[in-house]
Every structure is written in structure tokens, then in C-alpha cells.
Amino acid sequence: MSPPPAKRPRSKNPHGATEPCLAVRDVLTRVGDKWSVLVVGSLGDGPLRFSDLKRGIEGISQRMLTLTLRGLERDGLVTRTQYPTVPPRVEYALTPLGHTLLDPVQELAKWALQSRAAIQTARGRYDKKPKPPPPTGPTRR
């Protein structure tokens, strides 16, 4: 009988998180927020101008769209192309890396649409439960 395979050591940061956990958290910080998901989905059919993106994403402010696009560009998911016209024309498009995110984003959107009613029902049941008493014991200051 052979010995069990040796476990591969996982490096940890000073706070105890493993490297794979940190990598996933880092990526989800960018692509997991609602605006990034909506921008990536909007750009799935091709390049769009800022005003077209803003018009197509209900509720996003100009500032939030600007910050989201900059973050996606920084992470290599979106390109910004400025054309030398008067007035200047700027288009945003998914990079090849951004296109690899499109399928998971579309699957997430599909799941959200399919699961929305069940989630709302579960929330209603939860909200009708009696509230637990507040914790007792020493208070932290």
C-alpha cells in the first residue's frame, strides 16, 4: 500500500488567507460588482460610446460609469479608443480577456432571471420570521 500523496503547502498572507483565495477575491472585487457586470454585458455585442453605455444601463451615474470603465480598462477587460474627430469620439470595447468573461456574466444573468422569484419568496419567508434577541454579554468599545 502506498502512502497518501503529500499535501501541497498553501502559502498564506499575514492575515491567514491563502493565495488562491486572495486571487479570487481580487478578481471578484472588479467583476463582481453590479456595474461591471452590466458594462461587460452591454459591450458583448460590440463597441459602444460612453453615452450609449450610460443610456443602456439604467440607474448608473456618469461618475460611476467613468469609475467602472477605468477599473475595467486597468484590469485589461476593456479598451478605450479615442478618435481624432471634432467633437472627440470615444468608444469602449471588450478586450479578448474581457470576451472570456462574457459567457460567465451571461450565465449569471440567466441564473438571476430564472431564480428571481424563488429568491423573493425566500426573502419573504425570512422576513416573516421572529427576530432573534440581541446578543448579550460584554460590549466592545
C-alpha atoms as a PDB file:
ATOM      1  CA  MET A   1       0.000   0.000   0.000  1.00  0.00           C
ATOM      2  CA  SER A   2       1.459   3.343  -0.992  1.00  0.00           C
ATOM      3  CA  PRO A   3       1.486   6.330   1.342  1.00  0.00           C
ATOM      4  CA  PRO A   4      -1.103   9.045   0.772  1.00  0.00           C
ATOM      5  CA  PRO A   5       0.022  11.832  -1.543  1.00  0.00           C
ATOM      6  CA  ALA A   6       1.727  14.690   0.217  1.00  0.00           C
ATOM      7  CA  LYS A   7      -0.411  17.748   0.664  1.00  0.00           C
ATOM      8  CA  ARG A   8       0.823  20.747  -1.231  1.00  0.00           C
ATOM      9  CA  PRO A   9       1.597  23.585   1.158  1.00  0.00           C
ATOM     10  CA  ARG A  10      -0.510  26.658   0.575  1.00  0.00           C
ATOM     11  CA  SER A  11       1.179  29.967   1.138  1.00  0.00           C
ATOM     12  CA  LYS A  12      -0.637  32.352   3.422  1.00  0.00           C
ATOM     13  CA  ASN A  13      -0.522  36.065   3.821  1.00  0.00           C
ATOM     14  CA  PRO A  14      -0.125  37.599   7.287  1.00  0.00           C
ATOM     15  CA  HIS A  15      -3.912  37.530   7.804  1.00  0.00           C
ATOM     16  CA  GLY A  16      -4.228  33.816   7.079  1.00  0.00           C
ATOM     17  CA  ALA A  17      -5.826  33.966   3.609  1.00  0.00           C
ATOM     18  CA  THR A  18      -4.433  31.579   1.026  1.00  0.00           C
ATOM     19  CA  GLU A  19      -3.094  32.799  -2.300  1.00  0.00           C
ATOM     20  CA  PRO A  20      -5.919  31.213  -4.335  1.00  0.00           C
ATOM     21  CA  CYS A  21      -8.446  32.902  -2.038  1.00  0.00           C
ATOM     22  CA  LEU A  22      -6.719  36.252  -2.484  1.00  0.00           C
ATOM     23  CA  ALA A  23      -6.637  35.821  -6.262  1.00  0.00           C
ATOM     24  CA  VAL A  24     -10.360  35.029  -6.417  1.00  0.00           C
ATOM     25  CA  ARG A  25     -11.205  37.913  -4.100  1.00  0.00           C
ATOM     26  CA  ASP A  26      -9.106  40.302  -6.171  1.00  0.00           C
ATOM     27  CA  VAL A  27     -10.871  39.354  -9.399  1.00  0.00           C
ATOM     28  CA  LEU A  28     -14.347  39.297  -7.834  1.00  0.00           C
ATOM     29  CA  THR A  29     -13.784  42.767  -6.443  1.00  0.00           C
ATOM     30  CA  ARG A  30     -13.671  44.012 -10.028  1.00  0.00           C
ATOM     31  CA  VAL A  31     -16.055  41.767 -11.899  1.00  0.00           C
ATOM     32  CA  GLY A  32     -18.444  41.007  -9.069  1.00  0.00           C
ATOM     33  CA  ASP A  33     -19.942  44.446  -8.637  1.00  0.00           C
ATOM     34  CA  LYS A  34     -23.220  45.104 -10.385  1.00  0.00           C
ATOM     35  CA  TRP A  35     -21.968  47.913 -12.607  1.00  0.00           C
ATOM     36  CA  SER A  36     -19.010  45.956 -14.013  1.00  0.00           C
ATOM     37  CA  VAL A  37     -21.269  43.019 -14.820  1.00  0.00           C
ATOM     38  CA  LEU A  38     -23.724  45.310 -16.617  1.00  0.00           C
ATOM     39  CA  VAL A  39     -20.977  47.124 -18.550  1.00  0.00           C
ATOM     40  CA  VAL A  40     -19.377  43.850 -19.680  1.00  0.00           C
ATOM     41  CA  GLY A  41     -22.781  42.539 -20.743  1.00  0.00           C
ATOM     42  CA  SER A  42     -23.538  45.754 -22.636  1.00  0.00           C
ATOM     43  CA  LEU A  43     -20.240  45.602 -24.521  1.00  0.00           C
ATOM     44  CA  GLY A  44     -20.811  41.975 -25.503  1.00  0.00           C
ATOM     45  CA  ASP A  45     -22.360  42.945 -28.835  1.00  0.00           C
ATOM     46  CA  GLY A  46     -19.566  45.324 -29.791  1.00  0.00           C
ATOM     47  CA  PRO A  47     -18.020  48.721 -29.042  1.00  0.00           C
ATOM     48  CA  LEU A  48     -20.165  51.463 -27.574  1.00  0.00           C
ATOM     49  CA  ARG A  49     -19.740  55.142 -26.875  1.00  0.00           C
ATOM     50  CA  PHE A  50     -19.942  56.405 -23.296  1.00  0.00           C
ATOM     51  CA  SER A  51     -23.356  57.995 -23.851  1.00  0.00           C
ATOM     52  CA  ASP A  52     -24.727  54.754 -25.331  1.00  0.00           C
ATOM     53  CA  LEU A  53     -23.469  52.783 -22.333  1.00  0.00           C
ATOM     54  CA  LYS A  54     -24.979  55.283 -19.904  1.00  0.00           C
ATOM     55  CA  ARG A  55     -28.306  55.242 -21.723  1.00  0.00           C
ATOM     56  CA  GLY A  56     -28.374  51.432 -21.766  1.00  0.00           C
ATOM     57  CA  ILE A  57     -27.552  50.872 -18.082  1.00  0.00           C
ATOM     58  CA  GLU A  58     -30.467  52.078 -16.018  1.00  0.00           C
ATOM     59  CA  GLY A  59     -29.541  53.878 -12.814  1.00  0.00           C
ATOM     60  CA  ILE A  60     -25.806  54.297 -13.363  1.00  0.00           C
ATOM     61  CA  SER A  61     -24.434  57.779 -12.776  1.00  0.00           C
ATOM     62  CA  GLN A  62     -21.891  59.377 -15.062  1.00  0.00           C
ATOM     63  CA  ARG A  63     -19.277  59.222 -12.299  1.00  0.00           C
ATOM     64  CA  MET A  64     -19.932  55.539 -11.539  1.00  0.00           C
ATOM     65  CA  LEU A  65     -19.778  54.624 -15.220  1.00  0.00           C
ATOM     66  CA  THR A  66     -16.486  56.514 -15.556  1.00  0.00           C
ATOM     67  CA  LEU A  67     -15.005  54.752 -12.497  1.00  0.00           C
ATOM     68  CA  THR A  68     -16.243  51.354 -13.668  1.00  0.00           C
ATOM     69  CA  LEU A  69     -14.816  51.788 -17.165  1.00  0.00           C
ATOM     70  CA  ARG A  70     -11.464  52.927 -15.769  1.00  0.00           C
ATOM     71  CA  GLY A  71     -11.303  49.895 -13.484  1.00  0.00           C
ATOM     72  CA  LEU A  72     -12.199  47.504 -16.285  1.00  0.00           C
ATOM     73  CA  GLU A  73      -9.620  49.163 -18.533  1.00  0.00           C
ATOM     74  CA  ARG A  74      -6.967  48.930 -15.802  1.00  0.00           C
ATOM     75  CA  ASP A  75      -7.684  45.219 -15.399  1.00  0.00           C
ATOM     76  CA  GLY A  76      -7.351  44.618 -19.145  1.00  0.00           C
ATOM     77  CA  LEU A  77     -11.011  43.811 -19.735  1.00  0.00           C
ATOM     78  CA  VAL A  78     -11.978  46.920 -21.721  1.00  0.00           C
ATOM     79  CA  THR A  79     -10.204  49.144 -24.214  1.00  0.00           C
ATOM     80  CA  ARG A  80     -10.823  52.849 -24.652  1.00  0.00           C
ATOM     81  CA  THR A  81     -10.308  54.194 -28.173  1.00  0.00           C
ATOM     82  CA  GLN A  82     -10.348  57.927 -28.817  1.00  0.00           C
ATOM     83  CA  TYR A  83     -10.846  59.052 -32.406  1.00  0.00           C
ATOM     84  CA  PRO A  84      -9.400  62.376 -33.635  1.00  0.00           C
ATOM     85  CA  THR A  85     -12.692  63.969 -34.585  1.00  0.00           C
ATOM     86  CA  VAL A  86     -14.443  67.167 -33.575  1.00  0.00           C
ATOM     87  CA  PRO A  87     -16.045  66.685 -31.149  1.00  0.00           C
ATOM     88  CA  PRO A  88     -13.831  63.822 -29.905  1.00  0.00           C
ATOM     89  CA  ARG A  89     -15.386  60.390 -30.183  1.00  0.00           C
ATOM     90  CA  VAL A  90     -14.503  57.705 -27.641  1.00  0.00           C
ATOM     91  CA  GLU A  91     -15.543  54.071 -27.847  1.00  0.00           C
ATOM     92  CA  TYR A  92     -15.234  51.276 -25.330  1.00  0.00           C
ATOM     93  CA  ALA A  93     -14.894  47.627 -26.289  1.00  0.00           C
ATOM     94  CA  LEU A  94     -14.153  44.323 -24.631  1.00  0.00           C
ATOM     95  CA  THR A  95     -10.608  43.033 -24.971  1.00  0.00           C
ATOM     96  CA  PRO A  96     -10.008  39.341 -25.747  1.00  0.00           C
ATOM     97  CA  LEU A  97      -9.733  38.827 -21.972  1.00  0.00           C
ATOM     98  CA  GLY A  98     -12.995  40.734 -21.486  1.00  0.00           C
ATOM     99  CA  HIS A  99     -14.699  38.457 -24.010  1.00  0.00           C
ATOM    100  CA  THR A 100     -13.725  35.438 -21.887  1.00  0.00           C
ATOM    101  CA  LEU A 101     -15.736  36.994 -19.055  1.00  0.00           C
ATOM    102  CA  LEU A 102     -18.823  37.439 -21.222  1.00  0.00           C
ATOM    103  CA  ASP A 103     -20.088  33.828 -21.015  1.00  0.00           C
ATOM    104  CA  PRO A 104     -19.909  33.626 -17.199  1.00  0.00           C
ATOM    105  CA  VAL A 105     -21.597  37.047 -16.916  1.00  0.00           C
ATOM    106  CA  GLN A 106     -24.384  35.985 -19.277  1.00  0.00           C
ATOM    107  CA  GLU A 107     -24.843  32.724 -17.362  1.00  0.00           C
ATOM    108  CA  LEU A 108     -25.061  34.681 -14.104  1.00  0.00           C
ATOM    109  CA  ALA A 109     -27.689  36.977 -15.634  1.00  0.00           C
ATOM    110  CA  LYS A 110     -29.638  33.950 -16.889  1.00  0.00           C
ATOM    111  CA  TRP A 111     -29.496  32.351 -13.425  1.00  0.00           C
ATOM    112  CA  ALA A 112     -30.619  35.629 -11.799  1.00  0.00           C
ATOM    113  CA  LEU A 113     -33.638  35.865 -14.090  1.00  0.00           C
ATOM    114  CA  GLN A 114     -34.567  32.217 -13.522  1.00  0.00           C
ATOM    115  CA  SER A 115     -34.077  32.424  -9.741  1.00  0.00           C
ATOM    116  CA  ARG A 116     -35.530  35.841  -9.007  1.00  0.00           C
ATOM    117  CA  ALA A 117     -38.988  34.628  -7.942  1.00  0.00           C
ATOM    118  CA  ALA A 118     -37.550  31.887  -5.715  1.00  0.00           C
ATOM    119  CA  ILE A 119     -35.189  34.365  -4.060  1.00  0.00           C
ATOM    120  CA  GLN A 120     -38.004  36.854  -3.450  1.00  0.00           C
ATOM    121  CA  THR A 121     -40.119  34.073  -1.920  1.00  0.00           C
ATOM    122  CA  ALA A 122     -37.250  33.027   0.349  1.00  0.00           C
ATOM    123  CA  ARG A 123     -36.702  36.638   1.428  1.00  0.00           C
ATOM    124  CA  GLY A 124     -40.387  36.973   2.265  1.00  0.00           C
ATOM    125  CA  ARG A 125     -40.277  33.818   4.434  1.00  0.00           C
ATOM    126  CA  TYR A 126     -37.127  35.017   6.166  1.00  0.00           C
ATOM    127  CA  ASP A 127     -38.520  38.491   6.816  1.00  0.00           C
ATOM    128  CA  LYS A 128     -41.642  36.998   8.464  1.00  0.00           C
ATOM    129  CA  LYS A 129     -39.568  35.032  10.994  1.00  0.00           C
ATOM    130  CA  PRO A 130     -39.398  36.446  14.507  1.00  0.00           C
ATOM    131  CA  LYS A 131     -36.263  38.470  15.019  1.00  0.00           C
ATOM    132  CA  PRO A 132     -33.675  36.846  17.314  1.00  0.00           C
ATOM    133  CA  PRO A 133     -32.944  38.688  20.546  1.00  0.00           C
ATOM    134  CA  PRO A 134     -29.910  40.969  20.503  1.00  0.00           C
ATOM    135  CA  PRO A 135     -26.687  39.370  21.741  1.00  0.00           C
ATOM    136  CA  THR A 136     -25.875  39.774  25.400  1.00  0.00           C
ATOM    137  CA  GLY A 137     -22.552  39.981  27.112  1.00  0.00           C
ATOM    138  CA  PRO A 138     -19.777  42.496  27.303  1.00  0.00           C
ATOM    139  CA  THR A 139     -19.972  45.265  24.778  1.00  0.00           C
ATOM    140  CA  ARG A 140     -16.967  46.183  22.683  1.00  0.00           C
ATOM    141  CA  ARG A 141     -15.867  49.763  22.514  1.00  0.00           C
END
